[in-house]
Amino acid sequence: MAFTLTMPEVGETVTEGTIEKWLKQPGEHVDKYEPIVEINTDKVNVELPCPVTGTLREILAPEGATVLVGGELAVIEEVAGETPAEVAPPVPSAGEAPAPRQPAAPPAGREADAAGEPRRATPRVRRLAAEMGVDLVQVTGSGAGGRIIEDDVRAAAGRKAAAAPQAPARSAPAAAPGGEEQAVPLTAVRRTIAQRMAASAFTAPHAWLVVEADVTGLVALRQAQKEAFRGRHGVDLTYLPFAAHAVARSLLDHPYLNASWAEDKIILKKRVHLGIAAATERGLVVPVVKDADRLSVTALAAAIADLGERARTNRLTLEDVRGGTFTLDNTGAFGSIVSMPIINLGQAAIISLEAITKQPRVVPDNAIAVRSVVNLCLSFDHRILDGHQAGAFLADVKKRLEDFGPASGLD
């Protein structure tokens, strides 16, 4: 019996994936749940497990091809009598509508309305296009049947803004023969990062705030605990899990930071799935710690270490990268003291933990002392949030970090 493998749903903002590498070739046996193909989607390479046991009969999407969600990837001659396992779609947060399921094989043409004209976009998408000054005639749809979706409009707006005439500038001289310049082809990961960051930057009106936290007590706590912690748990105790703990707990009291924009409404996410930005040789990826608000500092340290290691070794799964509701970036790891991160597409805000530095500060009784201080930088979508909401959230994160001291527990 033939089974058709299709591109799975990864999240409400992801409509396609690129075939990076087939791990099996036609004629080869594949076991149920065994990785069969490597796919690039949502800024990360993931291995797709095979839902059935059988023989790979035909590859329908070659390496390098971009396939819509629901599009056909391969045909597998499965073992008789076996029930295929589903590649689980993303589980929506409470109160959040599930992502629409695409047909298995989207038709090539465009749907037509009763008048015979191409029905390429919903009224909501057309309204968004009008607001952003995008001509839908110039947009190629990535939805089922060539339908234009909201991400297509946002991406087109980003390209339009990037191509807008700039102030007159002196033309750069042509590169001399022999190679003063080198053209580096875009990888699938780099192209995806570029598209999503441009779409976010040119559609979400970014606003920015920064506060300074005195984390002298936290530094003392980590210094006292780090050696014993490594011995007990096998991972390093960094400052990142403390920041993740403070951010996740603060999001519970500030739901508009844990939200997304949906044109005619704001969707508040009931669960805190914290994305942790991780730099790899392939580019930036954002694996997700699910239900981060329910985890202790110790549990967060273990989860972050595991996701970071698998990100660096290209072993993340689809489940590891989908469903994020808020993002934490550890720019301080590079020595940065102030940054303005771009919001992850589909989220309301992103916070960066900067480098902890020694600074002279005024302490009680007007004395001067050397303290350990850190900047917390927040970029937020001004469509969803105003400054007072963002400032209140930052104040809570700051307080939680400053409350850590030598006697604080980690579990």
Protein backbone atom coordinates (compact mmCIF):
# COMPACT_ATOMS: atom_id res chain seq x y z
CA MET A 1 0.00 0.00 0.00
CA ALA A 2 1.39 3.39 -1.00
CA PHE A 3 1.66 6.18 1.56
CA THR A 4 2.30 9.80 0.52
CA LEU A 5 4.56 11.79 2.85
CA THR A 6 3.61 15.48 3.01
CA MET A 7 5.09 18.67 4.44
CA PRO A 8 3.80 18.96 8.04
CA GLU A 9 2.34 22.03 9.70
CA VAL A 10 4.97 23.79 11.79
CA GLY A 11 3.15 26.90 13.02
CA GLU A 12 0.65 29.55 12.07
CA THR A 13 3.29 31.82 10.51
CA VAL A 14 5.10 29.10 8.56
CA THR A 15 3.69 28.15 5.16
CA GLU A 16 6.53 26.27 3.48
CA GLY A 17 9.79 24.42 3.93
CA THR A 18 12.88 23.77 1.82
CA ILE A 19 14.24 20.27 1.22
CA GLU A 20 17.84 20.31 2.44
CA LYS A 21 18.80 16.64 2.20
CA TRP A 22 17.13 13.29 1.68
CA LEU A 23 18.43 10.83 4.29
CA LYS A 24 17.01 7.86 2.38
CA GLN A 25 17.05 7.09 -1.34
CA PRO A 26 14.48 5.27 -3.50
CA GLY A 27 14.60 1.56 -2.87
CA GLU A 28 15.89 1.91 0.71
CA HIS A 29 14.02 0.62 3.73
CA VAL A 30 12.85 3.12 6.36
CA ASP A 31 11.51 2.35 9.82
CA LYS A 32 8.61 4.12 11.49
CA TYR A 33 9.84 7.29 13.26
CA GLU A 34 13.24 7.05 11.53
CA PRO A 35 14.41 10.39 10.06
CA ILE A 36 13.85 10.38 6.32
CA VAL A 37 14.45 13.96 5.15
CA GLU A 38 16.10 17.12 6.44
CA ILE A 39 13.95 20.22 6.03
CA ASN A 40 14.75 23.89 6.55
CA THR A 41 11.86 25.75 8.10
CA ASP A 42 11.44 28.57 10.58
CA LYS A 43 15.19 29.37 10.56
CA VAL A 44 16.35 25.88 11.48
CA ASN A 45 17.15 22.56 9.90
CA VAL A 46 15.10 19.68 11.29
CA GLU A 47 14.86 15.98 10.49
CA LEU A 48 11.35 14.79 9.59
CA PRO A 49 10.53 11.32 10.99
CA CYS A 50 8.80 8.83 8.73
CA PRO A 51 5.24 8.05 9.90
CA VAL A 52 5.31 4.48 8.55
CA THR A 53 7.60 1.50 8.06
CA GLY A 54 8.25 0.61 4.45
CA THR A 55 10.35 1.27 1.36
CA LEU A 56 10.95 4.70 -0.15
CA ARG A 57 9.50 4.27 -3.62
CA GLU A 58 9.70 7.78 -5.10
CA ILE A 59 10.98 11.23 -4.12
CA LEU A 60 8.52 13.90 -5.28
CA ALA A 61 10.34 16.97 -3.94
CA PRO A 62 14.07 17.04 -4.80
CA GLU A 63 16.75 18.65 -2.66
CA GLY A 64 16.56 22.43 -2.90
CA ALA A 65 12.83 22.46 -3.65
CA THR A 66 10.51 24.66 -1.59
CA VAL A 67 7.25 22.93 -0.69
CA LEU A 68 4.06 24.37 0.79
CA VAL A 69 2.61 22.95 3.98
CA GLY A 70 0.60 19.91 2.89
CA GLY A 71 2.62 19.53 -0.32
CA GLU A 72 3.76 16.05 -1.36
CA LEU A 73 7.33 15.00 -0.54
CA ALA A 74 7.63 11.30 -1.29
CA VAL A 75 5.81 8.01 -1.83
CA ILE A 76 6.50 5.13 0.55
CA GLU A 77 5.42 1.54 0.01
CA GLU A 78 4.36 0.77 3.55
CA VAL A 79 4.19 -2.50 5.39
CA ALA A 80 0.69 -3.97 5.07
CA GLY A 81 -1.66 -3.49 8.01
CA GLU A 82 0.31 -0.73 9.74
CA THR A 83 -1.38 2.47 10.90
CA PRO A 84 0.56 5.60 9.93
CA ALA A 85 1.68 7.84 12.78
CA GLU A 86 0.89 11.51 12.48
CA VAL A 87 3.67 14.08 12.54
CA ALA A 88 2.10 16.11 15.31
CA PRO A 89 0.94 19.62 14.34
CA PRO A 90 1.73 22.47 16.72
CA VAL A 91 -0.49 22.51 19.80
CA PRO A 92 -2.12 25.96 20.08
CA SER A 93 -2.11 27.79 23.36
CA ALA A 94 -5.33 27.89 25.33
CA GLY A 95 -7.67 30.39 23.74
CA GLU A 96 -5.72 30.33 20.46
CA ALA A 97 -7.26 29.03 17.28
CA PRO A 98 -5.45 26.10 15.63
CA ALA A 99 -3.55 26.83 12.43
CA PRO A 100 -5.64 25.97 9.33
CA ARG A 101 -4.77 22.68 7.70
CA GLN A 102 -3.66 22.89 4.06
CA PRO A 103 -4.75 20.33 1.45
CA ALA A 104 -2.29 17.53 0.79
CA ALA A 105 -1.63 18.60 -2.79
CA PRO A 106 -2.45 22.29 -3.44
CA PRO A 107 -3.73 22.87 -6.96
CA ALA A 108 -1.51 24.81 -9.30
CA GLY A 109 -4.08 27.33 -10.47
CA ARG A 110 -5.82 30.20 -8.74
CA GLU A 111 -9.37 29.93 -7.46
CA ALA A 112 -11.91 32.06 -9.28
CA ASP A 113 -14.96 33.83 -7.89
CA ALA A 114 -18.42 33.81 -9.42
CA ALA A 115 -17.47 36.57 -11.84
CA GLY A 116 -14.53 34.59 -13.16
CA GLU A 117 -11.90 36.89 -11.65
CA PRO A 118 -9.00 35.43 -9.67
CA ARG A 119 -9.92 35.15 -6.01
CA ARG A 120 -6.35 35.38 -4.74
CA ALA A 121 -6.82 36.94 -1.30
CA THR A 122 -9.39 37.23 1.46
CA PRO A 123 -10.94 40.62 2.28
CA ARG A 124 -8.77 40.76 5.40
CA VAL A 125 -5.58 40.27 3.35
CA ARG A 126 -6.74 42.84 0.81
CA ARG A 127 -7.35 45.33 3.61
CA LEU A 128 -3.86 44.70 4.99
CA ALA A 129 -2.39 45.19 1.52
CA ALA A 130 -4.22 48.51 1.14
CA GLU A 131 -2.97 49.70 4.53
CA MET A 132 0.63 48.79 3.65
CA GLY A 133 0.51 50.13 0.09
CA VAL A 134 1.09 46.74 -1.53
CA ASP A 135 -0.26 46.00 -5.02
CA LEU A 136 -1.58 42.43 -4.90
CA VAL A 137 -1.09 42.06 -8.65
CA GLN A 138 2.65 42.12 -7.98
CA VAL A 139 2.50 39.53 -5.18
CA THR A 140 3.03 35.80 -5.63
CA GLY A 141 0.86 33.83 -3.23
CA SER A 142 2.33 31.07 -1.10
CA GLY A 143 -0.98 29.75 0.20
CA ALA A 144 -3.00 26.85 -1.16
CA GLY A 145 -3.71 27.23 -4.86
CA GLY A 146 -1.58 30.36 -5.09
CA ARG A 147 -3.72 32.22 -2.55
CA ILE A 148 -2.04 35.32 -1.11
CA ILE A 149 -1.73 35.20 2.67
CA GLU A 150 -0.79 37.88 5.22
CA ASP A 151 2.88 36.88 5.35
CA ASP A 152 3.13 37.38 1.57
CA VAL A 153 1.83 40.94 1.95
CA ARG A 154 4.20 41.72 4.82
CA ALA A 155 7.16 40.32 2.92
CA ALA A 156 6.22 42.39 -0.14
CA ALA A 157 5.98 45.51 2.03
CA GLY A 158 9.45 44.76 3.39
CA ARG A 159 10.91 44.42 -0.10
CA LYS A 160 9.19 47.62 -1.19
CA ALA A 161 10.61 49.56 1.75
CA ALA A 162 14.08 48.12 1.20
CA ALA A 163 13.97 49.10 -2.47
CA ALA A 164 12.78 52.67 -1.82
CA PRO A 165 15.14 55.37 -3.15
CA GLN A 166 17.73 56.43 -0.60
CA ALA A 167 19.55 59.72 -0.20
CA PRO A 168 22.01 60.40 -3.05
CA ALA A 169 25.32 58.70 -2.44
CA ARG A 170 28.55 58.32 -4.34
CA SER A 171 28.61 55.15 -6.40
CA ALA A 172 31.07 52.56 -5.18
CA PRO A 173 33.83 51.74 -7.66
CA ALA A 174 33.62 48.38 -9.39
CA ALA A 175 35.67 45.63 -7.84
CA ALA A 176 39.02 45.14 -9.51
CA PRO A 177 39.58 41.89 -11.37
CA GLY A 178 41.14 39.32 -9.15
CA GLY A 179 38.64 39.51 -6.35
CA GLU A 180 38.38 42.41 -3.96
CA GLU A 181 34.85 41.15 -3.42
CA GLN A 182 33.40 37.71 -3.00
CA ALA A 183 29.80 36.69 -3.68
CA VAL A 184 28.57 34.25 -1.03
CA PRO A 185 25.42 32.32 -2.02
CA LEU A 186 22.61 32.51 0.52
CA THR A 187 21.95 29.39 2.53
CA ALA A 188 18.34 28.40 3.16
CA VAL A 189 18.75 29.41 6.82
CA ARG A 190 20.18 32.85 5.92
CA ARG A 191 17.42 33.48 3.38
CA THR A 192 14.72 32.54 5.89
CA ILE A 193 16.24 34.77 8.56
CA ALA A 194 16.39 37.66 6.07
CA GLN A 195 12.78 37.23 4.98
CA ARG A 196 11.36 36.93 8.48
CA MET A 197 13.41 39.75 9.98
CA ALA A 198 12.55 42.08 7.10
CA ALA A 199 8.87 41.18 7.41
CA SER A 200 8.95 41.89 11.15
CA ALA A 201 10.97 45.10 10.91
CA PHE A 202 8.80 46.62 8.17
CA THR A 203 5.38 45.60 9.55
CA ALA A 204 5.63 45.82 13.35
CA PRO A 205 6.31 49.39 14.55
CA HIS A 206 9.22 48.70 16.89
CA ALA A 207 9.59 50.71 20.09
CA TRP A 208 12.42 50.24 22.56
CA LEU A 209 13.09 50.54 26.28
CA VAL A 210 16.07 49.77 28.51
CA VAL A 211 16.41 49.50 32.29
CA GLU A 212 19.41 48.85 34.47
CA ALA A 213 19.33 46.15 37.15
CA ASP A 214 21.70 45.83 40.08
CA VAL A 215 22.47 42.09 40.10
CA THR A 216 25.24 42.09 42.70
CA GLY A 217 23.30 39.53 44.76
CA LEU A 218 22.74 37.31 41.73
CA VAL A 219 26.44 37.38 40.88
CA ALA A 220 27.27 36.31 44.45
CA LEU A 221 24.68 33.50 44.27
CA ARG A 222 26.03 32.13 41.01
CA GLN A 223 29.62 32.36 42.21
CA ALA A 224 28.77 30.38 45.34
CA GLN A 225 26.73 27.72 43.53
CA LYS A 226 28.32 27.17 40.11
CA GLU A 227 30.86 24.44 40.97
CA ALA A 228 28.43 22.37 43.04
CA PHE A 229 25.72 22.91 40.43
CA ARG A 230 27.93 21.55 37.65
CA GLY A 231 28.74 18.52 39.77
CA ARG A 232 25.08 17.80 40.56
CA HIS A 233 23.52 18.50 37.18
CA GLY A 234 26.30 18.19 34.60
CA VAL A 235 25.69 21.64 33.08
CA ASP A 236 27.11 25.10 33.72
CA LEU A 237 25.10 27.55 35.80
CA THR A 238 25.02 30.69 33.64
CA TYR A 239 23.03 33.88 34.13
CA LEU A 240 20.63 32.97 31.31
CA PRO A 241 18.34 30.62 33.30
CA PHE A 242 17.95 33.29 36.00
CA ALA A 243 16.89 35.78 33.32
CA ALA A 244 14.56 33.19 31.77
CA HIS A 245 12.98 32.57 35.18
CA ALA A 246 12.45 36.29 35.79
CA VAL A 247 11.05 36.89 32.29
CA ALA A 248 8.71 33.87 32.27
CA ARG A 249 7.24 34.67 35.70
CA SER A 250 6.79 38.35 34.77
CA LEU A 251 4.92 37.44 31.59
CA LEU A 252 2.17 35.89 33.69
CA ASP A 253 1.41 39.31 35.15
CA HIS A 254 1.74 41.16 31.83
CA PRO A 255 -0.23 39.14 29.24
CA TYR A 256 0.06 41.72 26.47
CA LEU A 257 3.79 40.97 26.28
CA ASN A 258 2.88 37.32 25.63
CA ALA A 259 0.65 38.04 22.65
CA SER A 260 0.44 38.41 18.88
CA TRP A 261 -1.15 40.86 16.43
CA ALA A 262 -3.95 39.56 14.19
CA GLU A 263 -5.04 42.74 12.36
CA ASP A 264 -8.58 42.89 13.81
CA LYS A 265 -7.69 41.55 17.24
CA ILE A 266 -4.88 40.89 19.71
CA ILE A 267 -4.36 37.26 20.69
CA LEU A 268 -3.23 36.75 24.29
CA LYS A 269 -1.35 33.48 24.76
CA LYS A 270 -2.31 31.56 27.89
CA ARG A 271 0.93 29.57 28.08
CA VAL A 272 4.49 30.88 28.22
CA HIS A 273 6.69 29.21 25.61
CA LEU A 274 10.00 31.05 25.83
CA GLY A 275 12.22 31.21 22.75
CA ILE A 276 15.94 31.32 23.54
CA ALA A 277 17.97 32.85 20.71
CA ALA A 278 21.05 30.76 19.96
CA ALA A 279 23.91 31.65 17.60
CA THR A 280 25.21 28.75 15.47
CA GLU A 281 27.56 28.45 12.52
CA ARG A 282 24.51 28.17 10.26
CA GLY A 283 22.89 31.32 11.63
CA LEU A 284 20.58 32.38 14.45
CA VAL A 285 18.01 29.83 15.64
CA VAL A 286 15.38 30.13 18.37
CA PRO A 287 14.56 26.86 20.12
CA VAL A 288 11.66 27.04 22.55
CA VAL A 289 11.39 26.12 26.24
CA LYS A 290 7.75 25.07 26.65
CA ASP A 291 5.83 26.26 29.73
CA ALA A 292 8.90 28.10 30.98
CA ASP A 293 6.91 29.80 33.75
CA ARG A 294 6.43 26.41 35.44
CA LEU A 295 10.14 25.60 35.60
CA SER A 296 12.68 26.30 38.33
CA VAL A 297 16.06 27.90 37.66
CA THR A 298 17.62 24.43 37.75
CA ALA A 299 15.12 23.01 35.26
CA LEU A 300 15.55 26.02 32.99
CA ALA A 301 19.34 25.65 33.08
CA ALA A 302 19.04 22.00 32.01
CA ALA A 303 16.51 22.78 29.25
CA ILE A 304 18.51 25.71 27.87
CA ALA A 305 21.77 23.73 27.89
CA ASP A 306 20.12 20.83 26.07
CA LEU A 307 18.50 23.03 23.41
CA GLY A 308 21.70 25.04 22.93
CA GLU A 309 23.80 21.93 22.40
CA ARG A 310 21.35 20.45 19.92
CA ALA A 311 21.13 23.78 18.09
CA ARG A 312 24.92 23.91 17.69
CA THR A 313 25.05 20.30 16.46
CA ASN A 314 22.04 20.69 14.15
CA ARG A 315 19.91 18.16 16.03
CA LEU A 316 16.82 20.24 16.78
CA THR A 317 13.41 18.75 15.97
CA LEU A 318 10.28 20.44 14.64
CA GLU A 319 8.83 20.42 18.13
CA ASP A 320 11.89 22.24 19.48
CA VAL A 321 11.37 25.35 17.34
CA ARG A 322 7.65 25.89 17.12
CA GLY A 323 5.13 27.59 19.36
CA GLY A 324 7.30 30.34 20.87
CA THR A 325 5.32 33.20 22.45
CA PHE A 326 8.18 35.49 23.59
CA THR A 327 11.93 35.57 22.96
CA LEU A 328 14.96 36.08 25.21
CA ASP A 329 18.29 36.94 23.60
CA ASN A 330 21.60 36.66 25.48
CA THR A 331 23.54 39.37 23.65
CA GLY A 332 25.67 39.89 26.75
CA ALA A 333 27.50 36.68 25.89
CA PHE A 334 29.30 38.72 23.20
CA GLY A 335 30.10 41.61 25.54
CA SER A 336 27.24 43.81 24.33
CA ILE A 337 25.95 46.35 26.86
CA VAL A 338 23.06 47.83 24.80
CA SER A 339 21.17 46.33 21.85
CA MET A 340 17.95 46.81 19.88
CA PRO A 341 16.78 43.31 18.84
CA ILE A 342 14.17 42.75 16.12
CA ILE A 343 10.96 41.12 17.33
CA ASN A 344 10.48 37.50 16.30
CA LEU A 345 7.73 37.50 13.66
CA GLY A 346 4.35 36.74 15.22
CA GLN A 347 5.31 37.81 18.76
CA ALA A 348 4.76 41.02 20.71
CA ALA A 349 8.24 41.63 22.10
CA ILE A 350 11.81 40.43 22.60
CA ILE A 351 14.17 41.10 25.53
CA SER A 352 17.95 40.99 25.53
CA LEU A 353 20.17 40.29 28.53
CA GLU A 354 23.29 42.38 28.16
CA ALA A 355 26.75 41.89 29.70
CA ILE A 356 27.08 42.23 33.46
CA THR A 357 29.71 44.85 34.28
CA LYS A 358 31.23 46.35 37.43
CA GLN A 359 30.15 49.98 37.91
CA PRO A 360 30.34 52.58 40.68
CA ARG A 361 26.88 53.30 42.04
CA VAL A 362 25.34 55.31 44.87
CA VAL A 363 24.07 52.97 47.61
CA PRO A 364 22.11 53.76 50.81
CA ASP A 365 23.51 56.52 53.01
CA ASN A 366 24.91 58.18 49.84
CA ALA A 367 27.95 55.94 49.82
CA ILE A 368 29.72 54.95 46.59
CA ALA A 369 30.23 51.23 45.98
CA VAL A 370 31.22 48.95 43.13
CA ARG A 371 28.14 47.02 41.97
CA SER A 372 27.39 44.42 39.29
CA VAL A 373 24.88 45.94 36.87
CA VAL A 374 23.19 44.75 33.70
CA ASN A 375 21.01 46.39 31.06
CA LEU A 376 17.72 44.76 30.07
CA CYS A 377 16.71 45.90 26.57
CA LEU A 378 13.16 45.39 25.31
CA SER A 379 11.88 45.83 21.76
CA PHE A 380 8.09 45.73 21.51
CA ASP A 381 5.34 45.98 18.91
CA HIS A 382 3.69 49.37 19.43
CA ARG A 383 0.48 48.10 17.81
CA ILE A 384 0.01 45.75 20.77
CA LEU A 385 1.72 47.60 23.61
CA ASP A 386 2.21 51.12 24.88
CA GLY A 387 5.23 52.33 26.81
CA HIS A 388 3.62 52.06 30.24
CA GLN A 389 2.84 48.36 29.72
CA ALA A 390 6.33 47.61 28.45
CA GLY A 391 7.87 49.64 31.26
CA ALA A 392 5.84 47.83 33.92
CA PHE A 393 6.97 44.48 32.55
CA LEU A 394 10.62 45.55 32.55
CA ALA A 395 10.28 46.82 36.12
CA ASP A 396 9.03 43.38 37.21
CA VAL A 397 11.87 41.56 35.44
CA LYS A 398 14.35 43.96 37.04
CA LYS A 399 12.90 43.38 40.52
CA ARG A 400 12.97 39.60 40.16
CA LEU A 401 16.63 39.67 39.11
CA GLU A 402 17.56 42.04 41.90
CA ASP A 403 15.78 39.81 44.45
CA PHE A 404 18.25 36.96 43.86
CA GLY A 405 20.89 36.74 46.56
CA PRO A 406 23.33 34.32 48.18
CA ALA A 407 20.53 32.64 50.15
CA SER A 408 18.16 32.16 47.16
CA GLY A 409 17.15 28.65 46.15
CA LEU A 410 17.45 27.27 42.63
CA ASP A 411 14.74 24.59 42.70
